[in-house]
Amino acid sequence: MTDAIREPATRHSLRLAGYEYTRAGAYFVTICIRERVCLLGDIVDGVMRLSPIGQIAQDLWQTLPERFPPSHA
């Protein structure tokens, strides 16, 4: 079977059962890049040192609240 027609992998939820994720709070986000290449930067002496691509990603991440303000039902 070629990659183009391969069945998608089954994914399991990593969410905590019963937790209300719509509440305000801090969340940890992990971004995995193909073959785990360190494109976004490196951790040096416990500090994240962003690459130019990592800086772009951070800048865009910081604009998300402006682009997608919270909505309330």
PDB file of N, CA and C in Angstrom:
ATOM      1  N   MET A   1       0.845  -1.173   0.000  1.00  0.00           N
ATOM      2  CA  MET A   1       0.000   0.000   0.000  1.00  0.00           C
ATOM      3  C   MET A   1       0.891   1.237   0.000  1.00  0.00           C
ATOM      4  N   THR A   2       0.563   2.222  -0.778  1.00  0.00           N
ATOM      5  CA  THR A   2       1.365   3.440  -0.818  1.00  0.00           C
ATOM      6  C   THR A   2       0.964   4.374   0.322  1.00  0.00           C
ATOM      7  N   ASP A   3       1.834   5.340   0.622  1.00  0.00           N
ATOM      8  CA  ASP A   3       1.543   6.305   1.678  1.00  0.00           C
ATOM      9  C   ASP A   3       0.274   7.093   1.388  1.00  0.00           C
ATOM     10  N   ALA A   4      -0.008   7.332   0.104  1.00  0.00           N
ATOM     11  CA  ALA A   4      -1.158   8.148  -0.269  1.00  0.00           C
ATOM     12  C   ALA A   4      -2.484   7.487   0.079  1.00  0.00           C
ATOM     13  N   ILE A   5      -2.523   6.167   0.134  1.00  0.00           N
ATOM     14  CA  ILE A   5      -3.787   5.487   0.406  1.00  0.00           C
ATOM     15  C   ILE A   5      -3.770   4.672   1.690  1.00  0.00           C
ATOM     16  N   ARG A   6      -2.732   4.837   2.498  1.00  0.00           N
ATOM     17  CA  ARG A   6      -2.633   4.112   3.760  1.00  0.00           C
ATOM     18  C   ARG A   6      -3.728   4.569   4.725  1.00  0.00           C
ATOM     19  N   GLU A   7      -4.267   3.652   5.485  1.00  0.00           N
ATOM     20  CA  GLU A   7      -5.289   3.975   6.475  1.00  0.00           C
ATOM     21  C   GLU A   7      -4.686   4.848   7.574  1.00  0.00           C
ATOM     22  N   PRO A   8      -5.432   5.859   8.060  1.00  0.00           N
ATOM     23  CA  PRO A   8      -4.903   6.694   9.144  1.00  0.00           C
ATOM     24  C   PRO A   8      -4.756   5.890  10.434  1.00  0.00           C
ATOM     25  N   ALA A   9      -3.785   6.260  11.226  1.00  0.00           N
ATOM     26  CA  ALA A   9      -3.551   5.578  12.497  1.00  0.00           C
ATOM     27  C   ALA A   9      -4.678   5.902  13.472  1.00  0.00           C
ATOM     28  N   THR A  10      -4.989   4.970  14.331  1.00  0.00           N
ATOM     29  CA  THR A  10      -5.988   5.197  15.363  1.00  0.00           C
ATOM     30  C   THR A  10      -5.352   6.039  16.460  1.00  0.00           C
ATOM     31  N   ARG A  11      -6.025   7.108  16.854  1.00  0.00           N
ATOM     32  CA  ARG A  11      -5.497   7.986  17.890  1.00  0.00           C
ATOM     33  C   ARG A  11      -6.347   7.837  19.136  1.00  0.00           C
ATOM     34  N   HIS A  12      -5.681   7.859  20.265  1.00  0.00           N
ATOM     35  CA  HIS A  12      -6.366   7.784  21.549  1.00  0.00           C
ATOM     36  C   HIS A  12      -6.331   9.160  22.202  1.00  0.00           C
ATOM     37  N   SER A  13      -7.406   9.518  22.877  1.00  0.00           N
ATOM     38  CA  SER A  13      -7.481  10.816  23.528  1.00  0.00           C
ATOM     39  C   SER A  13      -6.499  10.888  24.692  1.00  0.00           C
ATOM     40  N   LEU A  14      -5.791  12.013  24.796  1.00  0.00           N
ATOM     41  CA  LEU A  14      -4.886  12.252  25.910  1.00  0.00           C
ATOM     42  C   LEU A  14      -5.541  13.114  26.976  1.00  0.00           C
ATOM     43  N   ARG A  15      -6.803  13.443  26.783  1.00  0.00           N
ATOM     44  CA  ARG A  15      -7.511  14.305  27.718  1.00  0.00           C
ATOM     45  C   ARG A  15      -7.868  13.559  28.998  1.00  0.00           C
ATOM     46  N   LEU A  16      -7.839  14.292  30.104  1.00  0.00           N
ATOM     47  CA  LEU A  16      -8.200  13.749  31.403  1.00  0.00           C
ATOM     48  C   LEU A  16      -9.710  13.552  31.452  1.00  0.00           C
ATOM     49  N   ALA A  17     -10.141  12.362  31.735  1.00  0.00           N
ATOM     50  CA  ALA A  17     -11.569  12.060  31.781  1.00  0.00           C
ATOM     51  C   ALA A  17     -12.249  12.937  32.830  1.00  0.00           C
ATOM     52  N   GLY A  18     -13.344  13.563  32.440  1.00  0.00           N
ATOM     53  CA  GLY A  18     -14.120  14.364  33.369  1.00  0.00           C
ATOM     54  C   GLY A  18     -13.636  15.792  33.555  1.00  0.00           C
ATOM     55  N   TYR A  19     -12.499  16.159  32.977  1.00  0.00           N
ATOM     56  CA  TYR A  19     -11.980  17.519  33.134  1.00  0.00           C
ATOM     57  C   TYR A  19     -12.663  18.441  32.126  1.00  0.00           C
ATOM     58  N   GLU A  20     -13.037  19.632  32.582  1.00  0.00           N
ATOM     59  CA  GLU A  20     -13.718  20.595  31.729  1.00  0.00           C
ATOM     60  C   GLU A  20     -12.683  21.485  31.044  1.00  0.00           C
ATOM     61  N   TYR A  21     -12.335  21.172  29.809  1.00  0.00           N
ATOM     62  CA  TYR A  21     -11.286  21.873  29.078  1.00  0.00           C
ATOM     63  C   TYR A  21     -11.726  23.237  28.542  1.00  0.00           C
ATOM     64  N   THR A  22     -12.986  23.600  28.700  1.00  0.00           N
ATOM     65  CA  THR A  22     -13.415  24.913  28.249  1.00  0.00           C
ATOM     66  C   THR A  22     -13.161  25.974  29.315  1.00  0.00           C
ATOM     67  N   ARG A  23     -12.744  25.564  30.518  1.00  0.00           N
ATOM     68  CA  ARG A  23     -12.433  26.529  31.584  1.00  0.00           C
ATOM     69  C   ARG A  23     -11.168  27.296  31.242  1.00  0.00           C
ATOM     70  N   ALA A  24     -11.102  28.519  31.758  1.00  0.00           N
ATOM     71  CA  ALA A  24      -9.871  29.301  31.612  1.00  0.00           C
ATOM     72  C   ALA A  24      -8.771  28.607  32.408  1.00  0.00           C
ATOM     73  N   GLY A  25      -7.574  28.644  31.871  1.00  0.00           N
ATOM     74  CA  GLY A  25      -6.451  28.036  32.577  1.00  0.00           C
ATOM     75  C   GLY A  25      -5.230  27.952  31.694  1.00  0.00           C
ATOM     76  N   ALA A  26      -4.156  27.496  32.284  1.00  0.00           N
ATOM     77  CA  ALA A  26      -2.905  27.331  31.532  1.00  0.00           C
ATOM     78  C   ALA A  26      -2.831  25.900  31.019  1.00  0.00           C
ATOM     79  N   TYR A  27      -2.415  25.756  29.793  1.00  0.00           N
ATOM     80  CA  TYR A  27      -2.299  24.440  29.184  1.00  0.00           C
ATOM     81  C   TYR A  27      -0.919  24.294  28.565  1.00  0.00           C
ATOM     82  N   PHE A  28      -0.355  23.105  28.658  1.00  0.00           N
ATOM     83  CA  PHE A  28       0.941  22.804  28.078  1.00  0.00           C
ATOM     84  C   PHE A  28       0.712  22.201  26.703  1.00  0.00           C
ATOM     85  N   VAL A  29       1.370  22.753  25.703  1.00  0.00           N
ATOM     86  CA  VAL A  29       1.204  22.277  24.340  1.00  0.00           C
ATOM     87  C   VAL A  29       2.523  21.707  23.851  1.00  0.00           C
ATOM     88  N   THR A  30       2.473  20.511  23.316  1.00  0.00           N
ATOM     89  CA  THR A  30       3.655  19.890  22.735  1.00  0.00           C
ATOM     90  C   THR A  30       3.463  19.835  21.232  1.00  0.00           C
ATOM     91  N   ILE A  31       4.451  20.291  20.503  1.00  0.00           N
ATOM     92  CA  ILE A  31       4.389  20.256  19.048  1.00  0.00           C
ATOM     93  C   ILE A  31       5.451  19.281  18.560  1.00  0.00           C
ATOM     94  N   CYS A  32       5.021  18.231  17.897  1.00  0.00           N
ATOM     95  CA  CYS A  32       5.956  17.254  17.348  1.00  0.00           C
ATOM     96  C   CYS A  32       6.102  17.508  15.854  1.00  0.00           C
ATOM     97  N   ILE A  33       7.335  17.511  15.403  1.00  0.00           N
ATOM     98  CA  ILE A  33       7.634  17.739  14.003  1.00  0.00           C
ATOM     99  C   ILE A  33       8.145  16.442  13.412  1.00  0.00           C
ATOM    100  N   ARG A  34       7.862  16.244  12.155  1.00  0.00           N
ATOM    101  CA  ARG A  34       8.231  15.004  11.474  1.00  0.00           C
ATOM    102  C   ARG A  34       9.655  14.563  11.801  1.00  0.00           C
ATOM    103  N   GLU A  35       9.787  13.327  12.181  1.00  0.00           N
ATOM    104  CA  GLU A  35      11.053  12.691  12.519  1.00  0.00           C
ATOM    105  C   GLU A  35      11.776  13.389  13.672  1.00  0.00           C
ATOM    106  N   ARG A  36      11.032  14.158  14.467  1.00  0.00           N
ATOM    107  CA  ARG A  36      11.535  14.826  15.672  1.00  0.00           C
ATOM    108  C   ARG A  36      12.752  15.711  15.431  1.00  0.00           C
ATOM    109  N   VAL A  37      12.796  16.333  14.277  1.00  0.00           N
ATOM    110  CA  VAL A  37      13.870  17.260  13.945  1.00  0.00           C
ATOM    111  C   VAL A  37      13.674  18.524  14.781  1.00  0.00           C
ATOM    112  N   CYS A  38      14.738  19.048  15.364  1.00  0.00           N
ATOM    113  CA  CYS A  38      14.660  20.247  16.205  1.00  0.00           C
ATOM    114  C   CYS A  38      14.638  21.501  15.345  1.00  0.00           C
ATOM    115  N   LEU A  39      13.496  21.772  14.727  1.00  0.00           N
ATOM    116  CA  LEU A  39      13.371  22.931  13.854  1.00  0.00           C
ATOM    117  C   LEU A  39      13.039  24.206  14.614  1.00  0.00           C
ATOM    118  N   LEU A  40      12.382  24.075  15.758  1.00  0.00           N
ATOM    119  CA  LEU A  40      11.918  25.256  16.475  1.00  0.00           C
ATOM    120  C   LEU A  40      12.974  25.845  17.397  1.00  0.00           C
ATOM    121  N   GLY A  41      14.014  25.096  17.683  1.00  0.00           N
ATOM    122  CA  GLY A  41      15.073  25.586  18.556  1.00  0.00           C
ATOM    123  C   GLY A  41      15.638  24.456  19.387  1.00  0.00           C
ATOM    124  N   ASP A  42      16.416  24.825  20.389  1.00  0.00           N
ATOM    125  CA  ASP A  42      17.052  23.860  21.284  1.00  0.00           C
ATOM    126  C   ASP A  42      16.961  24.365  22.709  1.00  0.00           C
ATOM    127  N   ILE A  43      17.050  23.447  23.653  1.00  0.00           N
ATOM    128  CA  ILE A  43      17.126  23.817  25.057  1.00  0.00           C
ATOM    129  C   ILE A  43      18.595  23.833  25.431  1.00  0.00           C
ATOM    130  N   VAL A  44      19.069  25.009  25.884  1.00  0.00           N
ATOM    131  CA  VAL A  44      20.462  25.190  26.269  1.00  0.00           C
ATOM    132  C   VAL A  44      20.492  25.657  27.720  1.00  0.00           C
ATOM    133  N   ASP A  45      21.135  24.893  28.583  1.00  0.00           N
ATOM    134  CA  ASP A  45      21.205  25.215  30.020  1.00  0.00           C
ATOM    135  C   ASP A  45      19.818  25.460  30.606  1.00  0.00           C
ATOM    136  N   GLY A  46      18.846  24.649  30.186  1.00  0.00           N
ATOM    137  CA  GLY A  46      17.493  24.739  30.717  1.00  0.00           C
ATOM    138  C   GLY A  46      16.657  25.874  30.151  1.00  0.00           C
ATOM    139  N   VAL A  47      17.162  26.570  29.133  1.00  0.00           N
ATOM    140  CA  VAL A  47      16.438  27.691  28.525  1.00  0.00           C
ATOM    141  C   VAL A  47      16.182  27.384  27.060  1.00  0.00           C
ATOM    142  N   MET A  48      14.960  27.642  26.618  1.00  0.00           N
ATOM    143  CA  MET A  48      14.623  27.427  25.219  1.00  0.00           C
ATOM    144  C   MET A  48      15.232  28.521  24.372  1.00  0.00           C
ATOM    145  N   ARG A  49      16.045  28.133  23.407  1.00  0.00           N
ATOM    146  CA  ARG A  49      16.653  29.061  22.456  1.00  0.00           C
ATOM    147  C   ARG A  49      15.970  28.838  21.115  1.00  0.00           C
ATOM    148  N   LEU A  50      15.151  29.783  20.713  1.00  0.00           N
ATOM    149  CA  LEU A  50      14.375  29.623  19.491  1.00  0.00           C
ATOM    150  C   LEU A  50      15.234  29.830  18.251  1.00  0.00           C
ATOM    151  N   SER A  51      14.980  29.008  17.258  1.00  0.00           N
ATOM    152  CA  SER A  51      15.567  29.213  15.931  1.00  0.00           C
ATOM    153  C   SER A  51      14.733  30.293  15.242  1.00  0.00           C
ATOM    154  N   PRO A  52      15.147  30.780  14.083  1.00  0.00           N
ATOM    155  CA  PRO A  52      14.302  31.741  13.358  1.00  0.00           C
ATOM    156  C   PRO A  52      12.894  31.201  13.085  1.00  0.00           C
ATOM    157  N   ILE A  53      12.795  29.923  12.747  1.00  0.00           N
ATOM    158  CA  ILE A  53      11.471  29.315  12.528  1.00  0.00           C
ATOM    159  C   ILE A  53      10.700  29.263  13.846  1.00  0.00           C
ATOM    160  N   GLY A  54      11.384  28.939  14.927  1.00  0.00           N
ATOM    161  CA  GLY A  54      10.754  28.912  16.245  1.00  0.00           C
ATOM    162  C   GLY A  54      10.245  30.282  16.655  1.00  0.00           C
ATOM    163  N   GLN A  55      10.989  31.321  16.319  1.00  0.00           N
ATOM    164  CA  GLN A  55      10.557  32.685  16.637  1.00  0.00           C
ATOM    165  C   GLN A  55       9.290  33.047  15.870  1.00  0.00           C
ATOM    166  N   ILE A  56       9.221  32.634  14.620  1.00  0.00           N
ATOM    167  CA  ILE A  56       8.007  32.858  13.822  1.00  0.00           C
ATOM    168  C   ILE A  56       6.826  32.142  14.464  1.00  0.00           C
ATOM    169  N   ALA A  57       7.035  30.894  14.863  1.00  0.00           N
ATOM    170  CA  ALA A  57       5.961  30.128  15.502  1.00  0.00           C
ATOM    171  C   ALA A  57       5.509  30.805  16.794  1.00  0.00           C
ATOM    172  N   GLN A  58       6.450  31.286  17.594  1.00  0.00           N
ATOM    173  CA  GLN A  58       6.084  31.962  18.842  1.00  0.00           C
ATOM    174  C   GLN A  58       5.330  33.263  18.560  1.00  0.00           C
ATOM    175  N   ASP A  59       5.802  34.031  17.603  1.00  0.00           N
ATOM    176  CA  ASP A  59       5.119  35.282  17.262  1.00  0.00           C
ATOM    177  C   ASP A  59       3.677  35.016  16.823  1.00  0.00           C
ATOM    178  N   LEU A  60       3.484  34.009  15.995  1.00  0.00           N
ATOM    179  CA  LEU A  60       2.127  33.668  15.552  1.00  0.00           C
ATOM    180  C   LEU A  60       1.281  33.156  16.703  1.00  0.00           C
ATOM    181  N   TRP A  61       1.880  32.358  17.588  1.00  0.00           N
ATOM    182  CA  TRP A  61       1.168  31.830  18.755  1.00  0.00           C
ATOM    183  C   TRP A  61       0.664  32.982  19.622  1.00  0.00           C
ATOM    184  N   GLN A  62       1.497  34.001  19.792  1.00  0.00           N
ATOM    185  CA  GLN A  62       1.123  35.138  20.631  1.00  0.00           C
ATOM    186  C   GLN A  62      -0.041  35.932  20.041  1.00  0.00           C
ATOM    187  N   THR A  63      -0.254  35.860  18.745  1.00  0.00           N
ATOM    188  CA  THR A  63      -1.354  36.604  18.113  1.00  0.00           C
ATOM    189  C   THR A  63      -2.679  35.841  18.137  1.00  0.00           C
ATOM    190  N   LEU A  64      -2.663  34.590  18.562  1.00  0.00           N
ATOM    191  CA  LEU A  64      -3.899  33.800  18.530  1.00  0.00           C
ATOM    192  C   LEU A  64      -5.054  34.442  19.291  1.00  0.00           C
ATOM    193  N   PRO A  65      -4.856  34.991  20.501  1.00  0.00           N
ATOM    194  CA  PRO A  65      -5.997  35.612  21.186  1.00  0.00           C
ATOM    195  C   PRO A  65      -6.601  36.786  20.413  1.00  0.00           C
ATOM    196  N   GLU A  66      -5.775  37.519  19.667  1.00  0.00           N
ATOM    197  CA  GLU A  66      -6.300  38.619  18.865  1.00  0.00           C
ATOM    198  C   GLU A  66      -7.084  38.109  17.667  1.00  0.00           C
ATOM    199  N   ARG A  67      -6.587  37.035  17.083  1.00  0.00           N
ATOM    200  CA  ARG A  67      -7.212  36.489  15.882  1.00  0.00           C
ATOM    201  C   ARG A  67      -8.443  35.657  16.202  1.00  0.00           C
ATOM    202  N   PHE A  68      -8.453  35.022  17.368  1.00  0.00           N
ATOM    203  CA  PHE A  68      -9.551  34.132  17.762  1.00  0.00           C
ATOM    204  C   PHE A  68      -9.966  34.469  19.189  1.00  0.00           C
ATOM    205  N   PRO A  69     -10.677  35.593  19.386  1.00  0.00           N
ATOM    206  CA  PRO A  69     -11.076  35.964  20.749  1.00  0.00           C
ATOM    207  C   PRO A  69     -12.021  34.917  21.347  1.00  0.00           C
ATOM    208  N   PRO A  70     -12.001  34.796  22.675  1.00  0.00           N
ATOM    209  CA  PRO A  70     -12.897  33.810  23.292  1.00  0.00           C
ATOM    210  C   PRO A  70     -14.354  34.137  22.990  1.00  0.00           C
ATOM    211  N   SER A  71     -15.127  33.118  22.805  1.00  0.00           N
ATOM    212  CA  SER A  71     -16.562  33.331  22.599  1.00  0.00           C
ATOM    213  C   SER A  71     -17.311  32.728  23.774  1.00  0.00           C
ATOM    214  N   HIS A  72     -18.430  33.301  24.074  1.00  0.00           N
ATOM    215  CA  HIS A  72     -19.248  32.824  25.195  1.00  0.00           C
ATOM    216  C   HIS A  72     -20.650  32.538  24.684  1.00  0.00           C
ATOM    217  N   ALA A  73     -21.177  31.410  25.137  1.00  0.00           N
ATOM    218  CA  ALA A  73     -22.519  31.003  24.687  1.00  0.00           C
ATOM    219  C   ALA A  73     -23.584  31.790  25.399  1.00  0.00           C
TER     220      ALA A  73
END
